[in-house]
């Protein structure tokens, strides 16, 4: 009896192991795509996600699926208020998750991610000849307006100062949205410091940039973006609020699908090139992701810097940020784009960003 029992034990254990693996595989399938059963012997064709993103398993693009699965489990266990997560590696979606009631085709408010889109449109407007350069004085674009607190200091504010949040103008959110003319309010404000001296967060800066696009092109930023940016990327469903004068709200007010947010990140990852066409000048991408001023007291537990309305992190990542946890992260070193949409308070603003550093980047093998 004993020898026969000993011979049965390995078979019994094998059945347990197989059953355990099958259960684990089933759990993983729900959130992480399976690796291909056979190795890829030839490189796949180059494609662009204009019509749709292609999906692939993490392992097929050198990423650890187990670690990505643990990230999704942490989101559930800690009940992080994340609405969607999209991870793109080498141009393929390798991890994607939506949390009810949000779905793949749900437009999501992106709040200040809008600012980074406006930055891209300013670069295109310069390329198309509507704006001369970032050194242009801002007030020159509004020759028919008179502004309070006028003077040499205010007249030295340039387009670049608006892009880097360093215009030196006082500004208050509640005051601005309580007035009908946002542009007039912003440029009426007194100067508290010379332009370029320090970072001061102002959604009004981005709204003035949106107004400049409209003044020079005759199109509001939404229509300009559709013609010169979104159409090329296959983005056809963007909602963008306007002020009472028809100016697209430059600092907020945009709603997008997470997969379309990923397209914007992928365009920046590829230095402004999309399917062989230079949509945004590569020089603009470089200038936009250069450190200009350090951000005092950021919501994140690491040093932050301002580019051209893109946020530069001390560890070399750069991102578009929006209130309540909206992010487009671009990580050139690892050919990664990560999109996160959320509804979290400022006190937890770093939580979704930590997922990138604790799971997504370490998953790159």
Protein backbone atom coordinates (compact mmCIF):
# COMPACT_ATOMS: atom_id res chain seq x y z
CA UNK A 1 0.00 0.00 0.00
CA UNK A 2 2.69 2.45 0.90
CA UNK A 3 4.64 2.19 -2.38
CA UNK A 4 1.43 2.59 -4.36
CA UNK A 5 0.48 5.69 -2.35
CA UNK A 6 3.96 7.18 -2.87
CA UNK A 7 3.56 6.77 -6.65
CA UNK A 8 0.23 8.54 -6.57
CA UNK A 9 1.48 11.62 -4.72
CA UNK A 10 3.36 13.20 -7.64
CA UNK A 11 0.31 12.77 -9.88
CA UNK A 12 -1.94 14.32 -7.22
CA UNK A 13 0.39 17.31 -6.81
CA UNK A 14 0.58 17.78 -10.55
CA UNK A 15 -3.20 18.01 -10.75
CA UNK A 16 -3.21 20.66 -8.00
CA UNK A 17 -0.51 22.71 -9.73
CA UNK A 18 -2.33 22.57 -13.05
CA UNK A 19 -5.61 23.60 -11.46
CA UNK A 20 -3.92 26.44 -9.60
CA UNK A 21 -2.24 27.74 -12.73
CA UNK A 22 -5.52 27.57 -14.64
CA UNK A 23 -7.26 29.64 -11.98
CA UNK A 24 -4.44 32.21 -11.92
CA UNK A 25 -4.52 32.43 -15.72
CA UNK A 26 -8.26 33.06 -15.66
CA UNK A 27 -7.86 35.95 -13.24
CA UNK A 28 -5.11 37.46 -15.34
CA UNK A 29 -7.16 37.22 -18.53
CA UNK A 30 -9.76 39.58 -17.16
CA UNK A 31 -7.39 42.52 -17.06
CA UNK A 32 -4.10 41.59 -18.78
CA UNK A 33 -3.95 40.22 -22.29
CA UNK A 34 -2.32 36.84 -22.87
CA UNK A 35 1.11 36.52 -24.41
CA UNK A 36 1.30 34.96 -27.86
CA UNK A 37 1.69 31.21 -27.76
CA UNK A 38 4.53 31.28 -30.26
CA UNK A 39 7.51 33.59 -30.34
CA UNK A 40 7.54 36.34 -32.92
CA UNK A 41 10.13 35.38 -35.50
CA UNK A 42 9.79 38.43 -37.70
CA UNK A 43 9.21 42.08 -36.77
CA UNK A 44 5.60 43.18 -37.04
CA UNK A 45 4.57 45.83 -39.53
CA UNK A 46 4.83 49.43 -38.42
CA UNK A 47 1.41 50.87 -37.82
CA UNK A 48 -0.12 54.05 -36.43
CA UNK A 49 -3.20 54.00 -34.21
CA UNK A 50 -5.07 56.56 -36.32
CA UNK A 51 -8.13 54.39 -36.82
CA UNK A 52 -7.72 52.28 -33.71
CA UNK A 53 -5.13 51.10 -31.23
CA UNK A 54 -3.80 47.58 -31.53
CA UNK A 55 -3.70 45.52 -28.36
CA UNK A 56 -0.99 43.14 -27.29
CA UNK A 57 0.18 41.17 -24.29
CA UNK A 58 2.69 42.83 -21.95
CA UNK A 59 5.16 39.97 -22.41
CA UNK A 60 5.20 40.55 -26.16
CA UNK A 61 6.61 44.01 -25.47
CA UNK A 62 9.00 43.19 -22.67
CA UNK A 63 6.75 43.88 -19.71
CA UNK A 64 5.98 41.80 -16.64
CA UNK A 65 2.28 40.93 -16.70
CA UNK A 66 2.32 39.72 -13.10
CA UNK A 67 3.51 43.11 -11.85
CA UNK A 68 0.87 44.92 -13.91
CA UNK A 69 -1.75 42.58 -12.49
CA UNK A 70 -0.61 43.44 -8.95
CA UNK A 71 -1.06 47.10 -9.78
CA UNK A 72 -4.67 46.52 -10.79
CA UNK A 73 -5.24 44.50 -7.63
CA UNK A 74 -3.87 47.38 -5.53
CA UNK A 75 -6.27 49.77 -7.21
CA UNK A 76 -9.13 47.49 -6.18
CA UNK A 77 -7.84 46.76 -2.69
CA UNK A 78 -7.18 50.39 -1.82
CA UNK A 79 -10.30 51.52 -3.64
CA UNK A 80 -8.41 54.21 -5.49
CA UNK A 81 -10.85 56.48 -7.28
CA UNK A 82 -9.44 55.77 -10.73
CA UNK A 83 -11.82 55.81 -13.69
CA UNK A 84 -9.54 54.48 -16.43
CA UNK A 85 -5.99 53.33 -17.05
CA UNK A 86 -4.32 52.86 -20.42
CA UNK A 87 -0.70 51.69 -20.80
CA UNK A 88 0.93 51.89 -24.24
CA UNK A 89 4.31 50.27 -24.93
CA UNK A 90 5.97 50.34 -28.35
CA UNK A 91 2.72 51.69 -29.78
CA UNK A 92 0.52 48.87 -28.48
CA UNK A 93 -1.98 48.93 -25.63
CA UNK A 94 -0.66 46.32 -23.20
CA UNK A 95 -2.90 47.09 -20.23
CA UNK A 96 -6.28 48.80 -20.17
CA UNK A 97 -8.92 49.03 -17.46
CA UNK A 98 -12.15 50.98 -17.03
CA UNK A 99 -14.12 51.32 -13.85
CA UNK A 100 -17.91 51.66 -13.85
CA UNK A 101 -19.62 53.79 -15.02
CA UNK A 102 -16.73 54.71 -17.32
CA UNK A 103 -16.13 52.77 -20.52
CA UNK A 104 -13.72 52.91 -23.44
CA UNK A 105 -15.84 55.38 -25.42
CA UNK A 106 -16.81 57.59 -22.48
CA UNK A 107 -15.71 61.21 -22.79
CA UNK A 108 -13.93 62.17 -19.59
CA UNK A 109 -13.29 65.65 -18.29
CA UNK A 110 -9.55 66.32 -18.42
CA UNK A 111 -9.49 69.70 -16.66
CA UNK A 112 -6.01 71.25 -16.97
CA UNK A 113 -4.77 68.65 -19.43
CA UNK A 114 -6.48 71.17 -21.73
CA UNK A 115 -3.52 73.50 -21.13
CA UNK A 116 -1.07 71.01 -22.63
CA UNK A 117 -3.28 70.68 -25.70
CA UNK A 118 -3.28 74.48 -26.06
CA UNK A 119 0.51 74.38 -25.86
CA UNK A 120 0.59 71.95 -28.78
CA UNK A 121 -1.73 74.21 -30.78
CA UNK A 122 0.51 77.24 -30.16
CA UNK A 123 3.42 75.25 -31.60
CA UNK A 124 1.35 74.40 -34.66
CA UNK A 125 0.16 78.02 -35.00
CA UNK A 126 3.81 79.14 -35.11
CA UNK A 127 4.60 76.44 -37.68
CA UNK A 128 1.65 77.58 -39.82
CA UNK A 129 2.68 81.23 -39.61
CA UNK A 130 -0.24 82.52 -37.57
CA UNK A 131 2.05 83.42 -34.66
CA UNK A 132 5.54 84.75 -35.26
CA UNK A 133 7.38 83.36 -32.25
CA UNK A 134 7.23 82.79 -28.50
CA UNK A 135 9.05 86.11 -28.10
CA UNK A 136 6.09 88.13 -29.38
CA UNK A 137 4.62 90.59 -26.85
CA UNK A 138 1.19 89.36 -25.77
CA UNK A 139 -0.53 92.76 -25.81
CA UNK A 140 0.37 93.18 -29.49
CA UNK A 141 -2.22 90.52 -30.30
CA UNK A 142 -5.01 92.66 -28.84
CA UNK A 143 -4.43 96.08 -30.45
CA UNK A 144 -8.07 97.15 -30.15
CA UNK A 145 -8.24 96.55 -26.41
CA UNK A 146 -7.17 98.82 -23.57
CA UNK A 147 -5.96 97.19 -20.39
CA UNK A 148 -5.71 98.51 -16.86
CA UNK A 149 -2.34 98.77 -15.09
CA UNK A 150 -0.66 99.25 -18.45
CA UNK A 151 3.05 99.92 -18.55
CA UNK A 152 6.43 98.78 -19.81
CA UNK A 153 6.51 95.76 -17.50
CA UNK A 154 3.17 94.44 -18.71
CA UNK A 155 4.09 95.14 -22.31
CA UNK A 156 7.16 92.93 -21.87
CA UNK A 157 5.01 89.83 -21.27
CA UNK A 158 5.63 87.39 -24.13
CA UNK A 159 3.89 84.28 -25.42
CA UNK A 160 6.61 82.23 -23.77
CA UNK A 161 5.84 83.76 -20.38
CA UNK A 162 2.25 82.57 -20.71
CA UNK A 163 3.45 79.10 -21.71
CA UNK A 164 5.74 78.82 -18.69
CA UNK A 165 3.29 80.27 -16.13
CA UNK A 166 5.62 83.17 -15.47
CA UNK A 167 3.73 86.21 -16.79
CA UNK A 168 4.07 88.04 -13.47
CA UNK A 169 0.38 88.94 -13.43
CA UNK A 170 -1.78 88.65 -10.35
CA UNK A 171 -4.70 86.26 -10.85
CA UNK A 172 -7.58 84.72 -8.93
CA UNK A 173 -9.74 81.85 -10.19
CA UNK A 174 -12.98 82.91 -8.50
CA UNK A 175 -12.61 86.49 -9.70
CA UNK A 176 -11.93 85.43 -13.27
CA UNK A 177 -14.89 83.07 -13.66
CA UNK A 178 -17.20 85.66 -12.12
CA UNK A 179 -16.45 88.09 -14.95
CA UNK A 180 -17.79 87.61 -18.51
CA UNK A 181 -14.58 88.56 -20.33
CA UNK A 182 -11.75 86.28 -19.15
CA UNK A 183 -9.15 87.80 -21.46
CA UNK A 184 -9.89 91.31 -20.26
CA UNK A 185 -9.77 90.21 -16.64
CA UNK A 186 -6.42 88.45 -16.98
CA UNK A 187 -4.66 91.24 -18.84
CA UNK A 188 -6.18 93.93 -16.62
CA UNK A 189 -4.43 92.51 -13.55
CA UNK A 190 -1.50 94.36 -11.97
CA UNK A 191 2.02 93.04 -12.23
CA UNK A 192 3.38 91.63 -8.99
CA UNK A 193 6.81 90.73 -10.41
CA UNK A 194 8.70 91.04 -13.68
CA UNK A 195 7.82 88.45 -16.35
CA UNK A 196 9.90 85.28 -16.28
CA UNK A 197 11.03 85.72 -12.69
CA UNK A 198 8.99 82.97 -11.04
CA UNK A 199 6.31 80.35 -11.54
CA UNK A 200 2.75 81.34 -10.64
CA UNK A 201 -0.09 78.99 -11.58
CA UNK A 202 -2.79 80.71 -13.63
CA UNK A 203 -5.45 79.17 -15.83
CA UNK A 204 -5.87 82.65 -17.21
CA UNK A 205 -2.52 82.40 -19.01
CA UNK A 206 -3.71 79.45 -21.08
CA UNK A 207 -7.02 81.15 -21.87
CA UNK A 208 -5.17 84.16 -23.28
CA UNK A 209 -3.16 81.76 -25.45
CA UNK A 210 -6.41 80.27 -26.72
CA UNK A 211 -7.61 83.79 -27.53
CA UNK A 212 -4.39 84.48 -29.46
CA UNK A 213 -5.03 81.39 -31.60
CA UNK A 214 -8.50 82.73 -32.39
CA UNK A 215 -7.26 86.28 -33.03
CA UNK A 216 -4.63 85.11 -35.50
CA UNK A 217 -6.30 82.19 -37.28
CA UNK A 218 -9.96 83.18 -37.18
CA UNK A 219 -10.75 79.78 -35.65
CA UNK A 220 -11.39 79.05 -32.01
CA UNK A 221 -8.91 76.62 -30.50
CA UNK A 222 -11.33 73.70 -30.78
CA UNK A 223 -11.85 74.15 -34.52
CA UNK A 224 -8.17 74.97 -35.05
CA UNK A 225 -7.21 71.82 -33.17
CA UNK A 226 -9.63 69.70 -35.18
CA UNK A 227 -8.18 70.95 -38.45
CA UNK A 228 -4.48 70.95 -37.61
CA UNK A 229 -4.16 68.23 -34.96
CA UNK A 230 -7.09 65.99 -34.09
CA UNK A 231 -8.01 64.98 -37.64
CA UNK A 232 -4.50 63.71 -38.33
CA UNK A 233 -4.62 61.54 -35.21
CA UNK A 234 -8.07 60.15 -35.94
CA UNK A 235 -9.62 62.01 -32.99
CA UNK A 236 -13.17 62.98 -33.95
CA UNK A 237 -14.97 63.26 -30.64
CA UNK A 238 -13.70 66.08 -28.44
CA UNK A 239 -15.91 68.32 -26.34
CA UNK A 240 -14.48 71.74 -25.44
CA UNK A 241 -16.33 74.48 -23.59
CA UNK A 242 -16.18 78.11 -24.75
CA UNK A 243 -16.57 81.46 -23.02
CA UNK A 244 -19.41 83.79 -23.98
CA UNK A 245 -17.27 85.24 -26.79
CA UNK A 246 -16.78 81.84 -28.41
CA UNK A 247 -13.17 81.46 -27.23
CA UNK A 248 -12.32 77.88 -26.27
CA UNK A 249 -11.47 77.80 -22.58
CA UNK A 250 -7.72 77.48 -22.70
CA UNK A 251 -7.11 76.29 -19.18
CA UNK A 252 -9.90 73.76 -18.73
CA UNK A 253 -13.22 72.60 -20.22
CA UNK A 254 -12.12 69.74 -22.50
CA UNK A 255 -13.55 66.21 -22.50
CA UNK A 256 -11.78 63.36 -24.29
CA UNK A 257 -11.68 59.59 -24.48
CA UNK A 258 -8.70 58.03 -22.67
CA UNK A 259 -7.51 56.31 -25.85
CA UNK A 260 -7.46 59.69 -27.61
CA UNK A 261 -5.49 61.16 -24.72
CA UNK A 262 -2.99 58.36 -25.35
CA UNK A 263 -2.73 59.43 -28.99
CA UNK A 264 -1.58 62.89 -27.89
CA UNK A 265 1.03 61.33 -25.64
CA UNK A 266 2.16 59.04 -28.44
CA UNK A 267 2.53 62.03 -30.78
CA UNK A 268 4.86 63.68 -28.25
CA UNK A 269 6.72 60.40 -27.70
CA UNK A 270 7.42 60.39 -31.44
CA UNK A 271 8.68 63.99 -31.50
CA UNK A 272 5.58 65.34 -33.21
CA UNK A 273 5.60 62.85 -36.09
CA UNK A 274 2.45 60.90 -36.96
CA UNK A 275 2.44 58.33 -39.72
CA UNK A 276 5.34 60.00 -41.50
CA UNK A 277 4.02 63.55 -41.18
CA UNK A 278 5.43 66.22 -38.87
CA UNK A 279 2.28 67.44 -37.10
CA UNK A 280 4.09 69.41 -34.37
CA UNK A 281 7.64 70.64 -34.99
CA UNK A 282 10.20 68.48 -33.19
CA UNK A 283 11.82 71.69 -31.97
CA UNK A 284 8.53 72.55 -30.27
CA UNK A 285 8.42 69.19 -28.49
CA UNK A 286 11.98 69.77 -27.30
CA UNK A 287 11.20 73.30 -26.12
CA UNK A 288 7.97 72.18 -24.44
CA UNK A 289 9.74 69.53 -22.38
CA UNK A 290 12.62 71.71 -21.24
CA UNK A 291 12.83 72.90 -17.63
CA UNK A 292 12.18 76.62 -17.30
CA UNK A 293 11.10 77.23 -13.71
CA UNK A 294 10.82 75.07 -10.63
CA UNK A 295 7.31 74.65 -9.27
CA UNK A 296 7.09 75.65 -5.60
CA UNK A 297 5.15 73.34 -3.28
CA UNK A 298 3.91 70.80 -5.84
CA UNK A 299 1.17 68.34 -4.91
CA UNK A 300 3.60 65.51 -5.61
CA UNK A 301 6.36 64.39 -3.18
CA UNK A 302 9.12 65.13 -5.70
CA UNK A 303 10.57 68.15 -7.49
CA UNK A 304 8.57 69.54 -10.39
CA UNK A 305 9.37 71.98 -13.18
CA UNK A 306 7.33 73.81 -15.79
CA UNK A 307 7.87 73.40 -19.51
CA UNK A 308 5.49 74.85 -22.08
CA UNK A 309 2.38 73.93 -20.08
CA UNK A 310 3.78 70.41 -19.60
CA UNK A 311 4.92 69.27 -16.16
CA UNK A 312 8.46 67.96 -15.92
CA UNK A 313 9.26 65.54 -13.12
CA UNK A 314 12.61 65.24 -11.41
CA UNK A 315 12.98 61.59 -12.52
CA UNK A 316 12.88 62.53 -16.22
CA UNK A 317 9.20 61.88 -16.95
CA UNK A 318 6.92 64.57 -18.31
CA UNK A 319 3.16 64.80 -18.24
CA UNK A 320 -0.02 66.72 -18.81
CA UNK A 321 -1.83 67.15 -15.49
CA UNK A 322 -5.47 67.83 -14.71
CA UNK A 323 -7.41 68.39 -11.52
CA UNK A 324 -8.90 65.30 -9.82
CA UNK A 325 -6.15 63.10 -11.22
CA UNK A 326 -6.12 63.34 -15.02
CA UNK A 327 -2.75 62.46 -16.56
CA UNK A 328 -1.00 61.85 -19.86
CA UNK A 329 2.46 60.56 -18.95
CA UNK A 330 5.19 60.32 -21.58
CA UNK A 331 8.22 58.20 -20.70
CA UNK A 332 10.60 58.24 -23.68
CA UNK A 333 13.28 56.11 -22.03
CA UNK A 334 10.95 53.11 -21.97
CA UNK A 335 8.77 53.92 -25.00
CA UNK A 336 5.78 54.27 -22.70
CA UNK A 337 2.64 56.38 -22.65
CA UNK A 338 0.34 56.10 -19.65
CA UNK A 339 -3.10 57.68 -19.39
CA UNK A 340 -4.98 57.84 -16.11
CA UNK A 341 -8.34 59.46 -15.45
CA UNK A 342 -9.65 59.77 -11.91
CA UNK A 343 -11.81 61.72 -9.49
CA UNK A 344 -9.46 62.11 -6.54
CA UNK A 345 -8.88 65.03 -4.16
CA UNK A 346 -5.70 67.10 -4.16
CA UNK A 347 -4.55 65.32 -1.00
CA UNK A 348 -4.28 62.08 -3.00
CA UNK A 349 -2.99 63.61 -6.23
CA UNK A 350 0.21 61.55 -6.15
CA UNK A 351 -1.51 58.16 -5.73
CA UNK A 352 -2.12 57.37 -9.41
CA UNK A 353 1.31 58.73 -10.29
CA UNK A 354 2.95 56.38 -7.80
CA UNK A 355 1.42 53.44 -9.68
CA UNK A 356 3.56 54.41 -12.65
CA UNK A 357 6.73 54.45 -10.57
CA UNK A 358 6.00 51.39 -8.42
CA UNK A 359 4.52 49.07 -11.05
CA UNK A 360 4.51 50.23 -14.67
CA UNK A 361 8.13 51.31 -15.04
CA UNK A 362 9.48 48.38 -12.97
CA UNK A 363 7.41 46.06 -15.21
CA UNK A 364 9.68 46.95 -18.15
CA UNK A 365 12.10 44.04 -18.45
